[in-house]
Each structure stands twice: as structure tokens, then as C-alpha cells.
ModelCIF file with pLDDT and N, C-alpha, C, O atoms, coordinates in Angstrom:
data_MODEL
#
_entry.id   MODEL 
#
_entity.id                         1 
_entity.type                       polymer 
_entity.pdbx_number_of_molecules   1 
#
_entity_poly.entity_id                      1 
_entity_poly.type                           'polypeptide(L)' 
_entity_poly.nstd_linkage                   no 
_entity_poly.nstd_monomer                   no 
_entity_poly.pdbx_seq_one_letter_code       AQLPEFHSSLPSIEELAAMLYLAPTDVLTGEMSPQAVSCGVPFLFIP 
_entity_poly.pdbx_seq_one_letter_code_can   AQLPEFHSSLPSIEELAAMLYLAPTDVLTGEMSPQAVSCGVPFLFIP 
_entity_poly.pdbx_strand_id                 A 
#
loop_
_entity_poly_seq.entity_id 
_entity_poly_seq.num 
_entity_poly_seq.mon_id 
_entity_poly_seq.hetero 
1 1  ALA n 
1 2  GLN n 
1 3  LEU n 
1 4  PRO n 
1 5  GLU n 
1 6  PHE n 
1 7  HIS n 
1 8  SER n 
1 9  SER n 
1 10 LEU n 
1 11 PRO n 
1 12 SER n 
1 13 ILE n 
1 14 GLU n 
1 15 GLU n 
1 16 LEU n 
1 17 ALA n 
1 18 ALA n 
1 19 MET n 
1 20 LEU n 
1 21 TYR n 
1 22 LEU n 
1 23 ALA n 
1 24 PRO n 
1 25 THR n 
1 26 ASP n 
1 27 VAL n 
1 28 LEU n 
1 29 THR n 
1 30 GLY n 
1 31 GLU n 
1 32 MET n 
1 33 SER n 
1 34 PRO n 
1 35 GLN n 
1 36 ALA n 
1 37 VAL n 
1 38 SER n 
1 39 CYS n 
1 40 GLY n 
1 41 VAL n 
1 42 PRO n 
1 43 PHE n 
1 44 LEU n 
1 45 PHE n 
1 46 ILE n 
1 47 PRO n 
#
_struct_asym.id          A 
_struct_asym.entity_id   1 
#
loop_
_ma_qa_metric.id 
_ma_qa_metric.mode 
_ma_qa_metric.name 
_ma_qa_metric.software_group_id 
_ma_qa_metric.type 
1 global pLDDT . pLDDT 
2 local  pLDDT . pLDDT 
#
_ma_qa_metric_global.metric_id      1 
_ma_qa_metric_global.metric_value   95.32 
_ma_qa_metric_global.model_id       1 
_ma_qa_metric_global.ordinal_id     1 
#
loop_
_ma_qa_metric_local.label_asym_id 
_ma_qa_metric_local.label_comp_id 
_ma_qa_metric_local.label_seq_id 
_ma_qa_metric_local.metric_id 
_ma_qa_metric_local.metric_value 
_ma_qa_metric_local.model_id 
_ma_qa_metric_local.ordinal_id 
A ALA 1  2 90.00 1 1  
A GLN 2  2 92.00 1 2  
A LEU 3  2 95.00 1 3  
A PRO 4  2 97.00 1 4  
A GLU 5  2 96.00 1 5  
A PHE 6  2 96.00 1 6  
A HIS 7  2 91.00 1 7  
A SER 8  2 80.00 1 8  
A SER 9  2 83.00 1 9  
A LEU 10 2 92.00 1 10 
A PRO 11 2 95.00 1 11 
A SER 12 2 95.00 1 12 
A ILE 13 2 97.00 1 13 
A GLU 14 2 98.00 1 14 
A GLU 15 2 97.00 1 15 
A LEU 16 2 97.00 1 16 
A ALA 17 2 98.00 1 17 
A ALA 18 2 98.00 1 18 
A MET 19 2 98.00 1 19 
A LEU 20 2 98.00 1 20 
A TYR 21 2 98.00 1 21 
A LEU 22 2 98.00 1 22 
A ALA 23 2 98.00 1 23 
A PRO 24 2 98.00 1 24 
A THR 25 2 98.00 1 25 
A ASP 26 2 98.00 1 26 
A VAL 27 2 98.00 1 27 
A LEU 28 2 98.00 1 28 
A THR 29 2 95.00 1 29 
A GLY 30 2 93.00 1 30 
A GLU 31 2 94.00 1 31 
A MET 32 2 95.00 1 32 
A SER 33 2 96.00 1 33 
A PRO 34 2 97.00 1 34 
A GLN 35 2 97.00 1 35 
A ALA 36 2 97.00 1 36 
A VAL 37 2 97.00 1 37 
A SER 38 2 96.00 1 38 
A CYS 39 2 94.00 1 39 
A GLY 40 2 90.00 1 40 
A VAL 41 2 90.00 1 41 
A PRO 42 2 95.00 1 42 
A PHE 43 2 96.00 1 43 
A LEU 44 2 97.00 1 44 
A PHE 45 2 98.00 1 45 
A ILE 46 2 98.00 1 46 
A PRO 47 2 98.00 1 47 
#
loop_
_atom_site.group_PDB 
_atom_site.id 
_atom_site.type_symbol 
_atom_site.label_atom_id 
_atom_site.label_alt_id 
_atom_site.label_comp_id 
_atom_site.label_asym_id 
_atom_site.label_entity_id 
_atom_site.label_seq_id 
_atom_site.pdbx_PDB_ins_code 
_atom_site.Cartn_x 
_atom_site.Cartn_y 
_atom_site.Cartn_z 
_atom_site.occupancy 
_atom_site.B_iso_or_equiv 
_atom_site.pdbx_formal_charge 
_atom_site.auth_seq_id 
_atom_site.auth_comp_id 
_atom_site.auth_asym_id 
_atom_site.auth_atom_id 
_atom_site.pdbx_PDB_model_num 
ATOM 1   N N  . ALA A 1 1  ? 80.065 109.554 75.926  1.00 90.00 ? 1  ALA A N  1 
ATOM 2   C CA . ALA A 1 1  ? 80.545 110.308 74.782  1.00 90.00 ? 1  ALA A CA 1 
ATOM 3   C C  . ALA A 1 1  ? 81.632 109.548 73.948  1.00 90.00 ? 1  ALA A C  1 
ATOM 4   O O  . ALA A 1 1  ? 81.995 109.907 72.828  1.00 90.00 ? 1  ALA A O  1 
ATOM 5   N N  . GLN A 1 2  ? 82.113 108.446 74.630  1.00 92.00 ? 2  GLN A N  1 
ATOM 6   C CA . GLN A 1 2  ? 83.096 107.709 73.828  1.00 92.00 ? 2  GLN A CA 1 
ATOM 7   C C  . GLN A 1 2  ? 82.746 106.145 74.272  1.00 92.00 ? 2  GLN A C  1 
ATOM 8   O O  . GLN A 1 2  ? 82.463 105.723 75.393  1.00 92.00 ? 2  GLN A O  1 
ATOM 9   N N  . LEU A 1 3  ? 82.861 105.420 72.996  1.00 95.00 ? 3  LEU A N  1 
ATOM 10  C CA . LEU A 1 3  ? 82.522 103.979 73.274  1.00 95.00 ? 3  LEU A CA 1 
ATOM 11  C C  . LEU A 1 3  ? 83.905 103.303 73.911  1.00 95.00 ? 3  LEU A C  1 
ATOM 12  O O  . LEU A 1 3  ? 85.004 103.856 73.894  1.00 95.00 ? 3  LEU A O  1 
ATOM 13  N N  . PRO A 1 4  ? 83.638 102.067 74.445  1.00 97.00 ? 4  PRO A N  1 
ATOM 14  C CA . PRO A 1 4  ? 84.757 101.635 75.323  1.00 97.00 ? 4  PRO A CA 1 
ATOM 15  C C  . PRO A 1 4  ? 85.971 101.239 74.519  1.00 97.00 ? 4  PRO A C  1 
ATOM 16  O O  . PRO A 1 4  ? 85.908 100.729 73.401  1.00 97.00 ? 4  PRO A O  1 
ATOM 17  N N  . GLU A 1 5  ? 87.043 101.506 75.156  1.00 96.00 ? 5  GLU A N  1 
ATOM 18  C CA . GLU A 1 5  ? 88.303 100.943 74.817  1.00 96.00 ? 5  GLU A CA 1 
ATOM 19  C C  . GLU A 1 5  ? 89.000 99.982  75.881  1.00 96.00 ? 5  GLU A C  1 
ATOM 20  O O  . GLU A 1 5  ? 88.913 100.130 77.100  1.00 96.00 ? 5  GLU A O  1 
ATOM 21  N N  . PHE A 1 6  ? 89.699 98.980  75.231  1.00 96.00 ? 6  PHE A N  1 
ATOM 22  C CA . PHE A 1 6  ? 90.078 98.048  76.095  1.00 96.00 ? 6  PHE A CA 1 
ATOM 23  C C  . PHE A 1 6  ? 91.498 97.695  76.128  1.00 96.00 ? 6  PHE A C  1 
ATOM 24  O O  . PHE A 1 6  ? 92.177 97.648  75.102  1.00 96.00 ? 6  PHE A O  1 
ATOM 25  N N  . HIS A 1 7  ? 91.997 97.421  77.418  1.00 91.00 ? 7  HIS A N  1 
ATOM 26  C CA . HIS A 1 7  ? 93.471 96.793  77.323  1.00 91.00 ? 7  HIS A CA 1 
ATOM 27  C C  . HIS A 1 7  ? 93.541 95.507  78.274  1.00 91.00 ? 7  HIS A C  1 
ATOM 28  O O  . HIS A 1 7  ? 92.806 95.267  79.231  1.00 91.00 ? 7  HIS A O  1 
ATOM 29  N N  . SER A 1 8  ? 94.462 94.838  77.845  1.00 80.00 ? 8  SER A N  1 
ATOM 30  C CA . SER A 1 8  ? 94.491 93.389  78.674  1.00 80.00 ? 8  SER A CA 1 
ATOM 31  C C  . SER A 1 8  ? 95.799 93.259  79.259  1.00 80.00 ? 8  SER A C  1 
ATOM 32  O O  . SER A 1 8  ? 95.983 92.206  79.869  1.00 80.00 ? 8  SER A O  1 
ATOM 33  N N  . SER A 1 9  ? 96.861 94.174  79.213  1.00 83.00 ? 9  SER A N  1 
ATOM 34  C CA . SER A 1 9  ? 98.190 93.969  79.873  1.00 83.00 ? 9  SER A CA 1 
ATOM 35  C C  . SER A 1 9  ? 98.065 94.368  81.303  1.00 83.00 ? 9  SER A C  1 
ATOM 36  O O  . SER A 1 9  ? 98.084 95.546  81.661  1.00 83.00 ? 9  SER A O  1 
ATOM 37  N N  . LEU A 1 10 ? 97.942 93.404  82.071  1.00 92.00 ? 10 LEU A N  1 
ATOM 38  C CA . LEU A 1 10 ? 97.652 93.496  83.557  1.00 92.00 ? 10 LEU A CA 1 
ATOM 39  C C  . LEU A 1 10 ? 98.539 92.664  84.314  1.00 92.00 ? 10 LEU A C  1 
ATOM 40  O O  . LEU A 1 10 ? 99.151 91.737  83.782  1.00 92.00 ? 10 LEU A O  1 
ATOM 41  N N  . PRO A 1 11 ? 98.656 92.997  85.742  1.00 95.00 ? 11 PRO A N  1 
ATOM 42  C CA . PRO A 1 11 ? 99.458 92.107  86.711  1.00 95.00 ? 11 PRO A CA 1 
ATOM 43  C C  . PRO A 1 11 ? 98.704 90.558  86.535  1.00 95.00 ? 11 PRO A C  1 
ATOM 44  O O  . PRO A 1 11 ? 97.689 90.398  85.857  1.00 95.00 ? 11 PRO A O  1 
ATOM 45  N N  . SER A 1 12 ? 99.229 89.735  87.093  1.00 95.00 ? 12 SER A N  1 
ATOM 46  C CA . SER A 1 12 ? 98.770 88.440  87.420  1.00 95.00 ? 12 SER A CA 1 
ATOM 47  C C  . SER A 1 12 ? 97.627 88.197  88.325  1.00 95.00 ? 12 SER A C  1 
ATOM 48  O O  . SER A 1 12 ? 97.486 89.024  89.226  1.00 95.00 ? 12 SER A O  1 
ATOM 49  N N  . ILE A 1 13 ? 96.827 87.270  88.262  1.00 97.00 ? 13 ILE A N  1 
ATOM 50  C CA . ILE A 1 13 ? 95.812 86.992  89.144  1.00 97.00 ? 13 ILE A CA 1 
ATOM 51  C C  . ILE A 1 13 ? 96.391 87.080  90.682  1.00 97.00 ? 13 ILE A C  1 
ATOM 52  O O  . ILE A 1 13 ? 95.827 87.700  91.584  1.00 97.00 ? 13 ILE A O  1 
ATOM 53  N N  . GLU A 1 14 ? 97.485 86.426  90.800  1.00 98.00 ? 14 GLU A N  1 
ATOM 54  C CA . GLU A 1 14 ? 98.037 86.258  92.246  1.00 98.00 ? 14 GLU A CA 1 
ATOM 55  C C  . GLU A 1 14 ? 98.596 87.651  92.595  1.00 98.00 ? 14 GLU A C  1 
ATOM 56  O O  . GLU A 1 14 ? 98.551 87.940  93.791  1.00 98.00 ? 14 GLU A O  1 
ATOM 57  N N  . GLU A 1 15 ? 99.075 88.490  91.815  1.00 97.00 ? 15 GLU A N  1 
ATOM 58  C CA . GLU A 1 15 ? 99.509 89.758  92.310  1.00 97.00 ? 15 GLU A CA 1 
ATOM 59  C C  . GLU A 1 15 ? 98.309 90.594  92.579  1.00 97.00 ? 15 GLU A C  1 
ATOM 60  O O  . GLU A 1 15 ? 98.232 91.250  93.617  1.00 97.00 ? 15 GLU A O  1 
ATOM 61  N N  . LEU A 1 16 ? 97.220 90.593  91.537  1.00 97.00 ? 16 LEU A N  1 
ATOM 62  C CA . LEU A 1 16 ? 96.004 91.300  91.952  1.00 97.00 ? 16 LEU A CA 1 
ATOM 63  C C  . LEU A 1 16 ? 95.224 91.054  93.250  1.00 97.00 ? 16 LEU A C  1 
ATOM 64  O O  . LEU A 1 16 ? 94.668 91.930  93.913  1.00 97.00 ? 16 LEU A O  1 
ATOM 65  N N  . ALA A 1 17 ? 95.261 89.628  93.544  1.00 98.00 ? 17 ALA A N  1 
ATOM 66  C CA . ALA A 1 17 ? 94.603 89.133  94.842  1.00 98.00 ? 17 ALA A CA 1 
ATOM 67  C C  . ALA A 1 17 ? 95.417 89.561  96.018  1.00 98.00 ? 17 ALA A C  1 
ATOM 68  O O  . ALA A 1 17 ? 94.833 89.873  97.056  1.00 98.00 ? 17 ALA A O  1 
ATOM 69  N N  . ALA A 1 18 ? 96.849 89.604  95.930  1.00 98.00 ? 18 ALA A N  1 
ATOM 70  C CA . ALA A 1 18 ? 97.667 89.992  97.085  1.00 98.00 ? 18 ALA A CA 1 
ATOM 71  C C  . ALA A 1 18 ? 97.333 91.374  97.427  1.00 98.00 ? 18 ALA A C  1 
ATOM 72  O O  . ALA A 1 18 ? 97.097 91.774  98.568  1.00 98.00 ? 18 ALA A O  1 
ATOM 73  N N  . MET A 1 19 ? 97.329 92.165  96.222  1.00 98.00 ? 19 MET A N  1 
ATOM 74  C CA . MET A 1 19 ? 97.112 93.652  96.299  1.00 98.00 ? 19 MET A CA 1 
ATOM 75  C C  . MET A 1 19 ? 95.744 93.958  97.085  1.00 98.00 ? 19 MET A C  1 
ATOM 76  O O  . MET A 1 19 ? 95.669 94.979  97.769  1.00 98.00 ? 19 MET A O  1 
ATOM 77  N N  . LEU A 1 20 ? 94.704 93.102  96.988  1.00 98.00 ? 20 LEU A N  1 
ATOM 78  C CA . LEU A 1 20 ? 93.476 93.207  97.672  1.00 98.00 ? 20 LEU A CA 1 
ATOM 79  C C  . LEU A 1 20 ? 93.333 92.336  98.998  1.00 98.00 ? 20 LEU A C  1 
ATOM 80  O O  . LEU A 1 20 ? 92.244 92.157  99.543  1.00 98.00 ? 20 LEU A O  1 
ATOM 81  N N  . TYR A 1 21 ? 94.370 91.884  99.402  1.00 98.00 ? 21 TYR A N  1 
ATOM 82  C CA . TYR A 1 21 ? 94.390 90.968  100.699 1.00 98.00 ? 21 TYR A CA 1 
ATOM 83  C C  . TYR A 1 21 ? 93.369 89.782  100.409 1.00 98.00 ? 21 TYR A C  1 
ATOM 84  O O  . TYR A 1 21 ? 92.638 89.366  101.308 1.00 98.00 ? 21 TYR A O  1 
ATOM 85  N N  . LEU A 1 22 ? 93.348 89.293  99.220  1.00 98.00 ? 22 LEU A N  1 
ATOM 86  C CA . LEU A 1 22 ? 92.381 88.125  98.986  1.00 98.00 ? 22 LEU A CA 1 
ATOM 87  C C  . LEU A 1 22 ? 93.209 86.863  98.487  1.00 98.00 ? 22 LEU A C  1 
ATOM 88  O O  . LEU A 1 22 ? 94.363 86.988  98.079  1.00 98.00 ? 22 LEU A O  1 
ATOM 89  N N  . ALA A 1 23 ? 92.612 85.752  98.538  1.00 98.00 ? 23 ALA A N  1 
ATOM 90  C CA . ALA A 1 23 ? 93.115 84.745  97.766  1.00 98.00 ? 23 ALA A CA 1 
ATOM 91  C C  . ALA A 1 23 ? 93.115 84.709  96.325  1.00 98.00 ? 23 ALA A C  1 
ATOM 92  O O  . ALA A 1 23 ? 92.171 85.265  95.763  1.00 98.00 ? 23 ALA A O  1 
ATOM 93  N N  . PRO A 1 24 ? 93.996 84.160  95.633  1.00 98.00 ? 24 PRO A N  1 
ATOM 94  C CA . PRO A 1 24 ? 93.769 83.984  94.063  1.00 98.00 ? 24 PRO A CA 1 
ATOM 95  C C  . PRO A 1 24 ? 92.474 83.312  93.764  1.00 98.00 ? 24 PRO A C  1 
ATOM 96  O O  . PRO A 1 24 ? 91.845 83.730  92.792  1.00 98.00 ? 24 PRO A O  1 
ATOM 97  N N  . THR A 1 25 ? 91.997 82.344  94.455  1.00 98.00 ? 25 THR A N  1 
ATOM 98  C CA . THR A 1 25 ? 90.693 81.717  94.213  1.00 98.00 ? 25 THR A CA 1 
ATOM 99  C C  . THR A 1 25 ? 89.700 82.773  94.366  1.00 98.00 ? 25 THR A C  1 
ATOM 100 O O  . THR A 1 25 ? 88.641 82.440  93.834  1.00 98.00 ? 25 THR A O  1 
ATOM 101 N N  . ASP A 1 26 ? 89.662 83.941  94.909  1.00 98.00 ? 26 ASP A N  1 
ATOM 102 C CA . ASP A 1 26 ? 88.576 84.875  95.226  1.00 98.00 ? 26 ASP A CA 1 
ATOM 103 C C  . ASP A 1 26 ? 88.375 85.520  93.814  1.00 98.00 ? 26 ASP A C  1 
ATOM 104 O O  . ASP A 1 26 ? 87.253 85.980  93.603  1.00 98.00 ? 26 ASP A O  1 
ATOM 105 N N  . VAL A 1 27 ? 89.287 85.614  92.842  1.00 98.00 ? 27 VAL A N  1 
ATOM 106 C CA . VAL A 1 27 ? 89.374 86.476  91.708  1.00 98.00 ? 27 VAL A CA 1 
ATOM 107 C C  . VAL A 1 27 ? 88.857 85.534  90.573  1.00 98.00 ? 27 VAL A C  1 
ATOM 108 O O  . VAL A 1 27 ? 89.347 84.407  90.507  1.00 98.00 ? 27 VAL A O  1 
ATOM 109 N N  . LEU A 1 28 ? 87.940 85.900  89.714  1.00 98.00 ? 28 LEU A N  1 
ATOM 110 C CA . LEU A 1 28 ? 87.354 85.057  88.702  1.00 98.00 ? 28 LEU A CA 1 
ATOM 111 C C  . LEU A 1 28 ? 88.294 85.065  87.570  1.00 98.00 ? 28 LEU A C  1 
ATOM 112 O O  . LEU A 1 28 ? 89.050 86.028  87.436  1.00 98.00 ? 28 LEU A O  1 
ATOM 113 N N  . THR A 1 29 ? 88.316 84.004  86.680  1.00 95.00 ? 29 THR A N  1 
ATOM 114 C CA . THR A 1 29 ? 89.137 83.908  85.671  1.00 95.00 ? 29 THR A CA 1 
ATOM 115 C C  . THR A 1 29 ? 88.280 83.339  84.448  1.00 95.00 ? 29 THR A C  1 
ATOM 116 O O  . THR A 1 29 ? 87.060 83.215  84.561  1.00 95.00 ? 29 THR A O  1 
ATOM 117 N N  . GLY A 1 30 ? 88.930 83.010  83.325  1.00 93.00 ? 30 GLY A N  1 
ATOM 118 C CA . GLY A 1 30 ? 88.051 82.582  82.240  1.00 93.00 ? 30 GLY A CA 1 
ATOM 119 C C  . GLY A 1 30 ? 87.380 83.806  81.566  1.00 93.00 ? 30 GLY A C  1 
ATOM 120 O O  . GLY A 1 30 ? 87.982 84.857  81.343  1.00 93.00 ? 30 GLY A O  1 
ATOM 121 N N  . GLU A 1 31 ? 86.117 83.583  81.272  1.00 94.00 ? 31 GLU A N  1 
ATOM 122 C CA . GLU A 1 31 ? 85.450 84.728  80.527  1.00 94.00 ? 31 GLU A CA 1 
ATOM 123 C C  . GLU A 1 31 ? 85.342 86.119  81.303  1.00 94.00 ? 31 GLU A C  1 
ATOM 124 O O  . GLU A 1 31 ? 85.388 87.236  80.788  1.00 94.00 ? 31 GLU A O  1 
ATOM 125 N N  . MET A 1 32 ? 85.188 85.807  82.657  1.00 95.00 ? 32 MET A N  1 
ATOM 126 C CA . MET A 1 32 ? 85.007 86.961  83.497  1.00 95.00 ? 32 MET A CA 1 
ATOM 127 C C  . MET A 1 32 ? 86.402 87.276  84.050  1.00 95.00 ? 32 MET A C  1 
ATOM 128 O O  . MET A 1 32 ? 86.480 87.513  85.256  1.00 95.00 ? 32 MET A O  1 
ATOM 129 N N  . SER A 1 33 ? 87.396 87.302  83.379  1.00 96.00 ? 33 SER A N  1 
ATOM 130 C CA . SER A 1 33 ? 88.707 87.753  83.831  1.00 96.00 ? 33 SER A CA 1 
ATOM 131 C C  . SER A 1 33 ? 88.949 89.087  83.914  1.00 96.00 ? 33 SER A C  1 
ATOM 132 O O  . SER A 1 33 ? 88.324 89.814  83.142  1.00 96.00 ? 33 SER A O  1 
ATOM 133 N N  . PRO A 1 34 ? 89.867 89.663  84.829  1.00 97.00 ? 34 PRO A N  1 
ATOM 134 C CA . PRO A 1 34 ? 90.177 91.069  84.980  1.00 97.00 ? 34 PRO A CA 1 
ATOM 135 C C  . PRO A 1 34 ? 90.448 91.664  83.717  1.00 97.00 ? 34 PRO A C  1 
ATOM 136 O O  . PRO A 1 34 ? 91.150 91.039  82.922  1.00 97.00 ? 34 PRO A O  1 
ATOM 137 N N  . GLN A 1 35 ? 89.948 92.890  83.388  1.00 97.00 ? 35 GLN A N  1 
ATOM 138 C CA . GLN A 1 35 ? 90.272 93.613  82.210  1.00 97.00 ? 35 GLN A CA 1 
ATOM 139 C C  . GLN A 1 35 ? 90.145 95.155  82.472  1.00 97.00 ? 35 GLN A C  1 
ATOM 140 O O  . GLN A 1 35 ? 89.358 95.596  83.310  1.00 97.00 ? 35 GLN A O  1 
ATOM 141 N N  . ALA A 1 36 ? 90.943 95.932  81.728  1.00 97.00 ? 36 ALA A N  1 
ATOM 142 C CA . ALA A 1 36 ? 91.032 97.337  81.960  1.00 97.00 ? 36 ALA A CA 1 
ATOM 143 C C  . ALA A 1 36 ? 90.131 97.827  80.698  1.00 97.00 ? 36 ALA A C  1 
ATOM 144 O O  . ALA A 1 36 ? 90.274 97.349  79.573  1.00 97.00 ? 36 ALA A O  1 
ATOM 145 N N  . VAL A 1 37 ? 89.261 98.758  80.996  1.00 97.00 ? 37 VAL A N  1 
ATOM 146 C CA . VAL A 1 37 ? 88.318 99.407  80.119  1.00 97.00 ? 37 VAL A CA 1 
ATOM 147 C C  . VAL A 1 37 ? 88.279 100.830 80.358  1.00 97.00 ? 37 VAL A C  1 
ATOM 148 O O  . VAL A 1 37 ? 88.527 101.243 81.491  1.00 97.00 ? 37 VAL A O  1 
ATOM 149 N N  . SER A 1 38 ? 87.953 101.746 79.280  1.00 96.00 ? 38 SER A N  1 
ATOM 150 C CA . SER A 1 38 ? 87.731 102.987 79.438  1.00 96.00 ? 38 SER A CA 1 
ATOM 151 C C  . SER A 1 38 ? 86.604 103.588 78.574  1.00 96.00 ? 38 SER A C  1 
ATOM 152 O O  . SER A 1 38 ? 86.488 103.182 77.418  1.00 96.00 ? 38 SER A O  1 
ATOM 153 N N  . CYS A 1 39 ? 85.790 104.500 79.042  1.00 94.00 ? 39 CYS A N  1 
ATOM 154 C CA . CYS A 1 39 ? 84.892 105.462 78.164  1.00 94.00 ? 39 CYS A CA 1 
ATOM 155 C C  . CYS A 1 39 ? 85.306 106.715 78.504  1.00 94.00 ? 39 CYS A C  1 
ATOM 156 O O  . CYS A 1 39 ? 84.430 107.550 78.727  1.00 94.00 ? 39 CYS A O  1 
ATOM 157 N N  . GLY A 1 40 ? 86.525 107.045 78.596  1.00 90.00 ? 40 GLY A N  1 
ATOM 158 C CA . GLY A 1 40 ? 86.936 108.422 78.937  1.00 90.00 ? 40 GLY A CA 1 
ATOM 159 C C  . GLY A 1 40 ? 87.887 108.376 80.045  1.00 90.00 ? 40 GLY A C  1 
ATOM 160 O O  . GLY A 1 40 ? 88.929 109.029 79.996  1.00 90.00 ? 40 GLY A O  1 
ATOM 161 N N  . VAL A 1 41 ? 87.573 107.615 81.075  1.00 90.00 ? 41 VAL A N  1 
ATOM 162 C CA . VAL A 1 41 ? 88.482 107.353 82.269  1.00 90.00 ? 41 VAL A CA 1 
ATOM 163 C C  . VAL A 1 41 ? 88.644 105.958 82.438  1.00 90.00 ? 41 VAL A C  1 
ATOM 164 O O  . VAL A 1 41 ? 87.634 105.264 82.556  1.00 90.00 ? 41 VAL A O  1 
ATOM 165 N N  . PRO A 1 42 ? 90.052 105.318 82.474  1.00 95.00 ? 42 PRO A N  1 
ATOM 166 C CA . PRO A 1 42 ? 90.186 104.039 82.458  1.00 95.00 ? 42 PRO A CA 1 
ATOM 167 C C  . PRO A 1 42 ? 89.959 103.460 83.885  1.00 95.00 ? 42 PRO A C  1 
ATOM 168 O O  . PRO A 1 42 ? 90.223 104.114 84.894  1.00 95.00 ? 42 PRO A O  1 
ATOM 169 N N  . PHE A 1 43 ? 89.446 102.173 83.916  1.00 96.00 ? 43 PHE A N  1 
ATOM 170 C CA . PHE A 1 43 ? 89.362 101.516 85.237  1.00 96.00 ? 43 PHE A CA 1 
ATOM 171 C C  . PHE A 1 43 ? 89.719 100.046 84.939  1.00 96.00 ? 43 PHE A C  1 
ATOM 172 O O  . PHE A 1 43 ? 89.563 99.555  83.821  1.00 96.00 ? 43 PHE A O  1 
ATOM 173 N N  . LEU A 1 44 ? 90.191 99.393  85.962  1.00 97.00 ? 44 LEU A N  1 
ATOM 174 C CA . LEU A 1 44 ? 90.613 97.987  86.024  1.00 97.00 ? 44 LEU A CA 1 
ATOM 175 C C  . LEU A 1 44 ? 89.497 97.134  86.633  1.00 97.00 ? 44 LEU A C  1 
ATOM 176 O O  . LEU A 1 44 ? 89.283 97.189  87.844  1.00 97.00 ? 44 LEU A O  1 
ATOM 177 N N  . PHE A 1 45 ? 88.844 96.417  85.896  1.00 98.00 ? 45 PHE A N  1 
ATOM 178 C CA . PHE A 1 45 ? 87.677 95.602  86.399  1.00 98.00 ? 45 PHE A CA 1 
ATOM 179 C C  . PHE A 1 45 ? 88.193 94.301  86.853  1.00 98.00 ? 45 PHE A C  1 
ATOM 180 O O  . PHE A 1 45 ? 88.796 93.584  86.055  1.00 98.00 ? 45 PHE A O  1 
ATOM 181 N N  . ILE A 1 46 ? 87.979 93.890  88.246  1.00 98.00 ? 46 ILE A N  1 
ATOM 182 C CA . ILE A 1 46 ? 88.422 92.787  88.803  1.00 98.00 ? 46 ILE A CA 1 
ATOM 183 C C  . ILE A 1 46 ? 87.207 91.993  89.439  1.00 98.00 ? 46 ILE A C  1 
ATOM 184 O O  . ILE A 1 46 ? 86.817 92.273  90.573  1.00 98.00 ? 46 ILE A O  1 
ATOM 185 N N  . PRO A 1 47 ? 86.681 91.097  88.758  1.00 98.00 ? 47 PRO A N  1 
ATOM 186 C CA . PRO A 1 47 ? 85.443 90.324  89.127  1.00 98.00 ? 47 PRO A CA 1 
ATOM 187 C C  . PRO A 1 47 ? 85.945 89.378  90.283  1.00 98.00 ? 47 PRO A C  1 
ATOM 188 O O  . PRO A 1 47 ? 85.164 88.594  90.823  1.00 98.00 ? 47 PRO A O  1 
#
């Protein structure tokens, strides 16, 4: 019902990796960086 809305104000890659018990190298950067998107309910996408 709603086209996507984007936010990019996020914790650092190192913080996100620690939150997931992963190494920073496990989290992708560049074009496939983490990003927050909503089509009604927001989600933080972490590739």
C-alpha cells in the first residue's frame, strides 16, 4: 500500500556485527551496505 521509504542513520558496521556476535567482515559494505527501509513497517536490512 506504500512505496518504500529509506533511512541511512544507522550504527556502525562494527556495532552491528557485535550485536549479532559476528565479525565486521561478515557484514557487507559498499553497494550492499545495511539500510533501513519501510513499506509501512520499518526494518533494518543487514546483508
